[in-house]
Amino acid sequence: MQKYVCDICGYVYDPEKGDPDNGINPGTAFEDLPDDWVCPLCGVDKEDFSPEEE
């Protein structure tokens, strides 16, 4: 699964880990995150994330 990086703070969303502290189960693809999900470190919206370079 594709990882995504926050353009603002560098947080990496790893779909294999999810974001359990914010109710996102492991295995949740970035595209399937709720529209109101924000970066857990800096609070920006999903549109401020980019696919991680391999």
PDB file of N, CA and C in Angstrom:
ATOM      1  N   MET A   1       0.841  -1.198   0.000  1.00  0.00           N
ATOM      2  CA  MET A   1       0.000   0.000   0.000  1.00  0.00           C
ATOM      3  C   MET A   1       0.879   1.253   0.000  1.00  0.00           C
ATOM      4  N   GLN A   2       0.401   2.261  -0.696  1.00  0.00           N
ATOM      5  CA  GLN A   2       1.126   3.528  -0.840  1.00  0.00           C
ATOM      6  C   GLN A   2       1.124   4.315   0.472  1.00  0.00           C
ATOM      7  N   LYS A   3       2.301   4.776   0.873  1.00  0.00           N
ATOM      8  CA  LYS A   3       2.417   5.676   2.020  1.00  0.00           C
ATOM      9  C   LYS A   3       2.306   7.109   1.516  1.00  0.00           C
ATOM     10  N   TYR A   4       1.824   7.995   2.384  1.00  0.00           N
ATOM     11  CA  TYR A   4       1.686   9.409   2.047  1.00  0.00           C
ATOM     12  C   TYR A   4       2.397  10.255   3.090  1.00  0.00           C
ATOM     13  N   VAL A   5       3.028  11.352   2.629  1.00  0.00           N
ATOM     14  CA  VAL A   5       3.821  12.218   3.496  1.00  0.00           C
ATOM     15  C   VAL A   5       3.148  13.587   3.588  1.00  0.00           C
ATOM     16  N   CYS A   6       3.067  14.110   4.813  1.00  0.00           N
ATOM     17  CA  CYS A   6       2.551  15.464   5.015  1.00  0.00           C
ATOM     18  C   CYS A   6       3.561  16.465   4.454  1.00  0.00           C
ATOM     19  N   ASP A   7       3.093  17.336   3.549  1.00  0.00           N
ATOM     20  CA  ASP A   7       3.970  18.330   2.940  1.00  0.00           C
ATOM     21  C   ASP A   7       4.425  19.390   3.938  1.00  0.00           C
ATOM     22  N   ILE A   8       3.714  19.525   5.044  1.00  0.00           N
ATOM     23  CA  ILE A   8       4.015  20.577   6.013  1.00  0.00           C
ATOM     24  C   ILE A   8       5.025  20.103   7.066  1.00  0.00           C
ATOM     25  N   CYS A   9       4.757  18.939   7.692  1.00  0.00           N
ATOM     26  CA  CYS A   9       5.605  18.528   8.823  1.00  0.00           C
ATOM     27  C   CYS A   9       6.397  17.243   8.581  1.00  0.00           C
ATOM     28  N   GLY A  10       6.102  16.517   7.499  1.00  0.00           N
ATOM     29  CA  GLY A  10       6.859  15.313   7.205  1.00  0.00           C
ATOM     30  C   GLY A  10       6.289  14.030   7.799  1.00  0.00           C
ATOM     31  N   TYR A  11       5.142  14.113   8.498  1.00  0.00           N
ATOM     32  CA  TYR A  11       4.501  12.907   9.038  1.00  0.00           C
ATOM     33  C   TYR A  11       4.196  11.948   7.888  1.00  0.00           C
ATOM     34  N   VAL A  12       4.475  10.664   8.093  1.00  0.00           N
ATOM     35  CA  VAL A  12       4.200   9.655   7.077  1.00  0.00           C
ATOM     36  C   VAL A  12       2.986   8.836   7.512  1.00  0.00           C
ATOM     37  N   TYR A  13       1.926   8.860   6.681  1.00  0.00           N
ATOM     38  CA  TYR A  13       0.780   7.988   6.925  1.00  0.00           C
ATOM     39  C   TYR A  13       1.084   6.636   6.289  1.00  0.00           C
ATOM     40  N   ASP A  14       1.170   5.606   7.118  1.00  0.00           N
ATOM     41  CA  ASP A  14       1.438   4.243   6.664  1.00  0.00           C
ATOM     42  C   ASP A  14       0.140   3.458   6.795  1.00  0.00           C
ATOM     43  N   PRO A  15      -0.485   3.078   5.655  1.00  0.00           N
ATOM     44  CA  PRO A  15      -1.769   2.373   5.734  1.00  0.00           C
ATOM     45  C   PRO A  15      -1.694   1.038   6.473  1.00  0.00           C
ATOM     46  N   GLU A  16      -0.517   0.426   6.521  1.00  0.00           N
ATOM     47  CA  GLU A  16      -0.393  -0.833   7.253  1.00  0.00           C
ATOM     48  C   GLU A  16      -0.522  -0.614   8.759  1.00  0.00           C
ATOM     49  N   LYS A  17      -0.174   0.588   9.222  1.00  0.00           N
ATOM     50  CA  LYS A  17      -0.285   0.922  10.649  1.00  0.00           C
ATOM     51  C   LYS A  17      -1.571   1.669  10.957  1.00  0.00           C
ATOM     52  N   GLY A  18      -2.098   2.411   9.976  1.00  0.00           N
ATOM     53  CA  GLY A  18      -3.276   3.236  10.215  1.00  0.00           C
ATOM     54  C   GLY A  18      -2.942   4.396  11.142  1.00  0.00           C
ATOM     55  N   ASP A  19      -3.952   4.891  11.829  1.00  0.00           N
ATOM     56  CA  ASP A  19      -3.792   5.977  12.805  1.00  0.00           C
ATOM     57  C   ASP A  19      -4.701   5.648  13.983  1.00  0.00           C
ATOM     58  N   PRO A  20      -4.350   4.566  14.740  1.00  0.00           N
ATOM     59  CA  PRO A  20      -5.256   4.086  15.784  1.00  0.00           C
ATOM     60  C   PRO A  20      -5.598   5.118  16.850  1.00  0.00           C
ATOM     61  N   ASP A  21      -4.702   6.068  17.103  1.00  0.00           N
ATOM     62  CA  ASP A  21      -4.996   7.104  18.104  1.00  0.00           C
ATOM     63  C   ASP A  21      -6.161   7.987  17.675  1.00  0.00           C
ATOM     64  N   ASN A  22      -6.444   7.998  16.364  1.00  0.00           N
ATOM     65  CA  ASN A  22      -7.533   8.813  15.836  1.00  0.00           C
ATOM     66  C   ASN A  22      -8.620   7.968  15.173  1.00  0.00           C
ATOM     67  N   GLY A  23      -8.696   6.692  15.561  1.00  0.00           N
ATOM     68  CA  GLY A  23      -9.784   5.830  15.119  1.00  0.00           C
ATOM     69  C   GLY A  23      -9.632   5.239  13.725  1.00  0.00           C
ATOM     70  N   ILE A  24      -8.417   5.277  13.165  1.00  0.00           N
ATOM     71  CA  ILE A  24      -8.180   4.718  11.834  1.00  0.00           C
ATOM     72  C   ILE A  24      -7.501   3.359  11.994  1.00  0.00           C
ATOM     73  N   ASN A  25      -8.189   2.308  11.581  1.00  0.00           N
ATOM     74  CA  ASN A  25      -7.684   0.952  11.748  1.00  0.00           C
ATOM     75  C   ASN A  25      -6.528   0.653  10.805  1.00  0.00           C
ATOM     76  N   PRO A  26      -5.603  -0.214  11.220  1.00  0.00           N
ATOM     77  CA  PRO A  26      -4.557  -0.681  10.300  1.00  0.00           C
ATOM     78  C   PRO A  26      -5.193  -1.282   9.056  1.00  0.00           C
ATOM     79  N   GLY A  27      -4.551  -1.069   7.913  1.00  0.00           N
ATOM     80  CA  GLY A  27      -5.073  -1.569   6.652  1.00  0.00           C
ATOM     81  C   GLY A  27      -5.958  -0.587   5.918  1.00  0.00           C
ATOM     82  N   THR A  28      -6.125   0.636   6.465  1.00  0.00           N
ATOM     83  CA  THR A  28      -6.957   1.651   5.822  1.00  0.00           C
ATOM     84  C   THR A  28      -6.121   2.438   4.823  1.00  0.00           C
ATOM     85  N   ALA A  29      -6.477   2.327   3.545  1.00  0.00           N
ATOM     86  CA  ALA A  29      -5.768   3.064   2.497  1.00  0.00           C
ATOM     87  C   ALA A  29      -5.977   4.559   2.676  1.00  0.00           C
ATOM     88  N   PHE A  30      -4.996   5.353   2.243  1.00  0.00           N
ATOM     89  CA  PHE A  30      -5.094   6.806   2.365  1.00  0.00           C
ATOM     90  C   PHE A  30      -6.373   7.324   1.706  1.00  0.00           C
ATOM     91  N   GLU A  31      -6.704   6.755   0.539  1.00  0.00           N
ATOM     92  CA  GLU A  31      -7.895   7.189  -0.198  1.00  0.00           C
ATOM     93  C   GLU A  31      -9.183   6.921   0.580  1.00  0.00           C
ATOM     94  N   ASP A  32      -9.132   5.970   1.523  1.00  0.00           N
ATOM     95  CA  ASP A  32     -10.318   5.602   2.292  1.00  0.00           C
ATOM     96  C   ASP A  32     -10.428   6.339   3.626  1.00  0.00           C
ATOM     97  N   LEU A  33      -9.462   7.212   3.920  1.00  0.00           N
ATOM     98  CA  LEU A  33      -9.555   7.999   5.151  1.00  0.00           C
ATOM     99  C   LEU A  33     -10.759   8.932   5.062  1.00  0.00           C
ATOM    100  N   PRO A  34     -11.423   9.195   6.189  1.00  0.00           N
ATOM    101  CA  PRO A  34     -12.554  10.127   6.162  1.00  0.00           C
ATOM    102  C   PRO A  34     -12.117  11.517   5.688  1.00  0.00           C
ATOM    103  N   ASP A  35     -13.032  12.253   5.074  1.00  0.00           N
ATOM    104  CA  ASP A  35     -12.709  13.586   4.556  1.00  0.00           C
ATOM    105  C   ASP A  35     -12.271  14.542   5.650  1.00  0.00           C
ATOM    106  N   ASP A  36     -12.701  14.285   6.892  1.00  0.00           N
ATOM    107  CA  ASP A  36     -12.351  15.202   7.984  1.00  0.00           C
ATOM    108  C   ASP A  36     -11.093  14.773   8.737  1.00  0.00           C
ATOM    109  N   TRP A  37     -10.412  13.714   8.242  1.00  0.00           N
ATOM    110  CA  TRP A  37      -9.160  13.284   8.883  1.00  0.00           C
ATOM    111  C   TRP A  37      -8.106  14.361   8.648  1.00  0.00           C
ATOM    112  N   VAL A  38      -7.295  14.629   9.675  1.00  0.00           N
ATOM    113  CA  VAL A  38      -6.204  15.602   9.561  1.00  0.00           C
ATOM    114  C   VAL A  38      -4.907  14.970  10.046  1.00  0.00           C
ATOM    115  N   CYS A  39      -3.797  15.565   9.673  1.00  0.00           N
ATOM    116  CA  CYS A  39      -2.491  15.102  10.110  1.00  0.00           C
ATOM    117  C   CYS A  39      -2.448  15.109  11.637  1.00  0.00           C
ATOM    118  N   PRO A  40      -2.085  13.977  12.252  1.00  0.00           N
ATOM    119  CA  PRO A  40      -2.053  13.924  13.715  1.00  0.00           C
ATOM    120  C   PRO A  40      -0.964  14.779  14.350  1.00  0.00           C
ATOM    121  N   LEU A  41       0.012  15.222  13.572  1.00  0.00           N
ATOM    122  CA  LEU A  41       1.079  16.053  14.142  1.00  0.00           C
ATOM    123  C   LEU A  41       0.807  17.542  13.989  1.00  0.00           C
ATOM    124  N   CYS A  42       0.369  17.965  12.794  1.00  0.00           N
ATOM    125  CA  CYS A  42       0.238  19.408  12.581  1.00  0.00           C
ATOM    126  C   CYS A  42      -1.177  19.854  12.232  1.00  0.00           C
ATOM    127  N   GLY A  43      -2.095  18.918  11.979  1.00  0.00           N
ATOM    128  CA  GLY A  43      -3.502  19.269  11.823  1.00  0.00           C
ATOM    129  C   GLY A  43      -3.937  19.715  10.442  1.00  0.00           C
ATOM    130  N   VAL A  44      -3.096  19.550   9.410  1.00  0.00           N
ATOM    131  CA  VAL A  44      -3.515  19.959   8.069  1.00  0.00           C
ATOM    132  C   VAL A  44      -4.388  18.883   7.435  1.00  0.00           C
ATOM    133  N   ASP A  45      -5.142  19.275   6.404  1.00  0.00           N
ATOM    134  CA  ASP A  45      -6.060  18.372   5.720  1.00  0.00           C
ATOM    135  C   ASP A  45      -5.328  17.395   4.805  1.00  0.00           C
ATOM    136  N   LYS A  46      -6.080  16.400   4.315  1.00  0.00           N
ATOM    137  CA  LYS A  46      -5.521  15.361   3.444  1.00  0.00           C
ATOM    138  C   LYS A  46      -4.907  15.927   2.168  1.00  0.00           C
ATOM    139  N   GLU A  47      -5.420  17.054   1.678  1.00  0.00           N
ATOM    140  CA  GLU A  47      -4.887  17.597   0.419  1.00  0.00           C
ATOM    141  C   GLU A  47      -3.463  18.116   0.561  1.00  0.00           C
ATOM    142  N   ASP A  48      -2.976  18.221   1.808  1.00  0.00           N
ATOM    143  CA  ASP A  48      -1.587  18.644   2.033  1.00  0.00           C
ATOM    144  C   ASP A  48      -0.636  17.457   2.174  1.00  0.00           C
ATOM    145  N   PHE A  49      -1.053  16.291   1.682  1.00  0.00           N
ATOM    146  CA  PHE A  49      -0.217  15.083   1.673  1.00  0.00           C
ATOM    147  C   PHE A  49       0.133  14.730   0.235  1.00  0.00           C
ATOM    148  N   SER A  50       1.308  14.136   0.059  1.00  0.00           N
ATOM    149  CA  SER A  50       1.771  13.683  -1.253  1.00  0.00           C
ATOM    150  C   SER A  50       2.198  12.226  -1.131  1.00  0.00           C
ATOM    151  N   PRO A  51       2.079  11.455  -2.226  1.00  0.00           N
ATOM    152  CA  PRO A  51       2.576  10.076  -2.184  1.00  0.00           C
ATOM    153  C   PRO A  51       4.058  10.052  -1.869  1.00  0.00           C
ATOM    154  N   GLU A  52       4.452   9.101  -1.009  1.00  0.00           N
ATOM    155  CA  GLU A  52       5.863   8.975  -0.649  1.00  0.00           C
ATOM    156  C   GLU A  52       6.647   8.433  -1.846  1.00  0.00           C
ATOM    157  N   GLU A  53       7.811   9.015  -2.084  1.00  0.00           N
ATOM    158  CA  GLU A  53       8.696   8.527  -3.151  1.00  0.00           C
ATOM    159  C   GLU A  53       9.277   7.196  -2.724  1.00  0.00           C
ATOM    160  N   GLU A  54       9.342   6.259  -3.633  1.00  0.00           N
ATOM    161  CA  GLU A  54       9.895   4.927  -3.309  1.00  0.00           C
ATOM    162  C   GLU A  54      11.408   5.005  -3.167  1.00  0.00           C
TER     163      GLU A  54
END
